[in-house]
C-alpha atoms as a PDB file:
ATOM      1  CA  UNK A   1      70.214 139.992  99.154  1.00  0.00           C
ATOM      2  CA  UNK A   2      73.563 141.974  97.392  1.00  0.00           C
ATOM      3  CA  UNK A   3      75.558 139.387  95.826  1.00  0.00           C
ATOM      4  CA  UNK A   4      79.654 139.737  95.982  1.00  0.00           C
ATOM      5  CA  UNK A   5      82.374 138.150  93.676  1.00  0.00           C
ATOM      6  CA  UNK A   6      84.670 135.887  95.156  1.00  0.00           C
ATOM      7  CA  UNK A   7      88.029 134.854  92.949  1.00  0.00           C
ATOM      8  CA  UNK A   8      88.763 132.296  94.517  1.00  0.00           C
ATOM      9  CA  UNK A   9      86.124 130.999  93.969  1.00  0.00           C
ATOM     10  CA  UNK A  10      85.077 132.341  90.715  1.00  0.00           C
ATOM     11  CA  UNK A  11      81.578 132.959  91.032  1.00  0.00           C
ATOM     12  CA  UNK A  12      78.450 135.336  93.498  1.00  0.00           C
ATOM     13  CA  UNK A  13      78.082 134.293  96.938  1.00  0.00           C
ATOM     14  CA  UNK A  14      75.230 136.555  99.585  1.00  0.00           C
ATOM     15  CA  UNK A  15      77.138 139.178 100.815  1.00  0.00           C
ATOM     16  CA  UNK A  16      76.415 137.712 104.344  1.00  0.00           C
ATOM     17  CA  UNK A  17      78.962 134.880 103.173  1.00  0.00           C
ATOM     18  CA  UNK A  18      81.462 136.972 103.520  1.00  0.00           C
ATOM     19  CA  UNK A  19      83.476 138.191 106.437  1.00  0.00           C
ATOM     20  CA  UNK A  20      84.221 141.980 107.309  1.00  0.00           C
ATOM     21  CA  UNK A  21      86.712 144.035 106.437  1.00  0.00           C
ATOM     22  CA  UNK A  22      86.529 147.875 107.328  1.00  0.00           C
ATOM     23  CA  UNK A  23      89.380 148.987 104.863  1.00  0.00           C
ATOM     24  CA  UNK A  24      87.399 147.787 102.076  1.00  0.00           C
ATOM     25  CA  UNK A  25      85.082 149.749 100.681  1.00  0.00           C
ATOM     26  CA  UNK A  26      82.325 148.219 100.716  1.00  0.00           C
ATOM     27  CA  UNK A  27      83.417 146.192 104.743  1.00  0.00           C
ATOM     28  CA  UNK A  28      83.543 142.973 103.073  1.00  0.00           C
ATOM     29  CA  UNK A  29      86.364 140.692 103.430  1.00  0.00           C
ATOM     30  CA  UNK A  30      87.801 140.091  99.603  1.00  0.00           C
ATOM     31  CA  UNK A  31      87.198 136.166 100.125  1.00  0.00           C
ATOM     32  CA  UNK A  32      84.935 134.649 101.075  1.00  0.00           C
ATOM     33  CA  UNK A  33      84.360 132.433 104.242  1.00  0.00           C
ATOM     34  CA  UNK A  34      84.837 129.510 103.300  1.00  0.00           C
ATOM     35  CA  UNK A  35      87.501 129.637 101.527  1.00  0.00           C
ATOM     36  CA  UNK A  36      89.567 131.824 102.949  1.00  0.00           C
ATOM     37  CA  UNK A  37      89.603 129.517 105.672  1.00  0.00           C
ATOM     38  CA  UNK A  38      90.400 126.540 103.184  1.00  0.00           C
ATOM     39  CA  UNK A  39      93.217 129.193 102.531  1.00  0.00           C
ATOM     40  CA  UNK A  40      94.055 128.860 105.423  1.00  0.00           C
ATOM     41  CA  UNK A  41      93.609 125.816 106.402  1.00  0.00           C
ATOM     42  CA  UNK A  42      96.498 125.347 103.591  1.00  0.00           C
ATOM     43  CA  UNK A  43      98.534 127.568 105.261  1.00  0.00           C
ATOM     44  CA  UNK A  44      98.937 126.397 108.129  1.00  0.00           C
ATOM     45  CA  UNK A  45      99.701 122.423 106.421  1.00  0.00           C
ATOM     46  CA  UNK A  46     102.592 123.324 104.796  1.00  0.00           C
ATOM     47  CA  UNK A  47     104.359 126.240 107.332  1.00  0.00           C
ATOM     48  CA  UNK A  48     103.786 124.046 110.757  1.00  0.00           C
ATOM     49  CA  UNK A  49     107.332 124.900 111.836  1.00  0.00           C
ATOM     50  CA  UNK A  50     105.992 128.844 111.963  1.00  0.00           C
ATOM     51  CA  UNK A  51     102.241 128.320 113.392  1.00  0.00           C
ATOM     52  CA  UNK A  52     104.509 125.924 116.681  1.00  0.00           C
ATOM     53  CA  UNK A  53     107.201 128.863 116.392  1.00  0.00           C
ATOM     54  CA  UNK A  54     104.326 131.524 116.414  1.00  0.00           C
ATOM     55  CA  UNK A  55     102.112 129.422 119.257  1.00  0.00           C
ATOM     56  CA  UNK A  56     105.719 129.602 121.546  1.00  0.00           C
ATOM     57  CA  UNK A  57     105.831 132.740 121.390  1.00  0.00           C
ATOM     58  CA  UNK A  58     102.238 134.362 122.024  1.00  0.00           C
ATOM     59  CA  UNK A  59     102.471 131.235 125.885  1.00  0.00           C
ATOM     60  CA  UNK A  60     105.723 133.504 125.337  1.00  0.00           C
ATOM     61  CA  UNK A  61     104.143 136.760 125.836  1.00  0.00           C
ATOM     62  CA  UNK A  62     101.836 136.092 127.708  1.00  0.00           C
ATOM     63  CA  UNK A  63     103.288 134.694 130.120  1.00  0.00           C
ATOM     64  CA  UNK A  64     105.669 137.485 130.663  1.00  0.00           C
ATOM     65  CA  UNK A  65     102.127 139.700 130.786  1.00  0.00           C
ATOM     66  CA  UNK A  66     101.276 138.021 133.584  1.00  0.00           C
ATOM     67  CA  UNK A  67     103.923 138.050 135.811  1.00  0.00           C
ATOM     68  CA  UNK A  68     104.234 141.694 135.204  1.00  0.00           C
ATOM     69  CA  UNK A  69     100.411 141.476 136.651  1.00  0.00           C
ATOM     70  CA  UNK A  70     100.719 140.208 139.442  1.00  0.00           C
ATOM     71  CA  UNK A  71     103.966 141.618 140.643  1.00  0.00           C
ATOM     72  CA  UNK A  72     101.471 145.269 140.582  1.00  0.00           C
ATOM     73  CA  UNK A  73      98.681 143.360 142.114  1.00  0.00           C
ATOM     74  CA  UNK A  74      96.423 143.315 139.460  1.00  0.00           C
ATOM     75  CA  UNK A  75      95.855 139.113 139.141  1.00  0.00           C
ATOM     76  CA  UNK A  76      95.229 136.522 141.875  1.00  0.00           C
END
């Protein structure tokens, strides 16, 4: 099984421990899934206000889209 370097953990992991990234030459993400989740968890903890704002905007966007689709008869 091929190995890939995770710069976050500073060690090699098996390629199956990396997510996919179609833009990368090897087709794999830069960081392993475990480290990528750690980074994301830390960012969300430090930026809880941004996370809430992003969620509110997403919910508003979906509601607007659903209202339009219902008006066109494409949603029940």
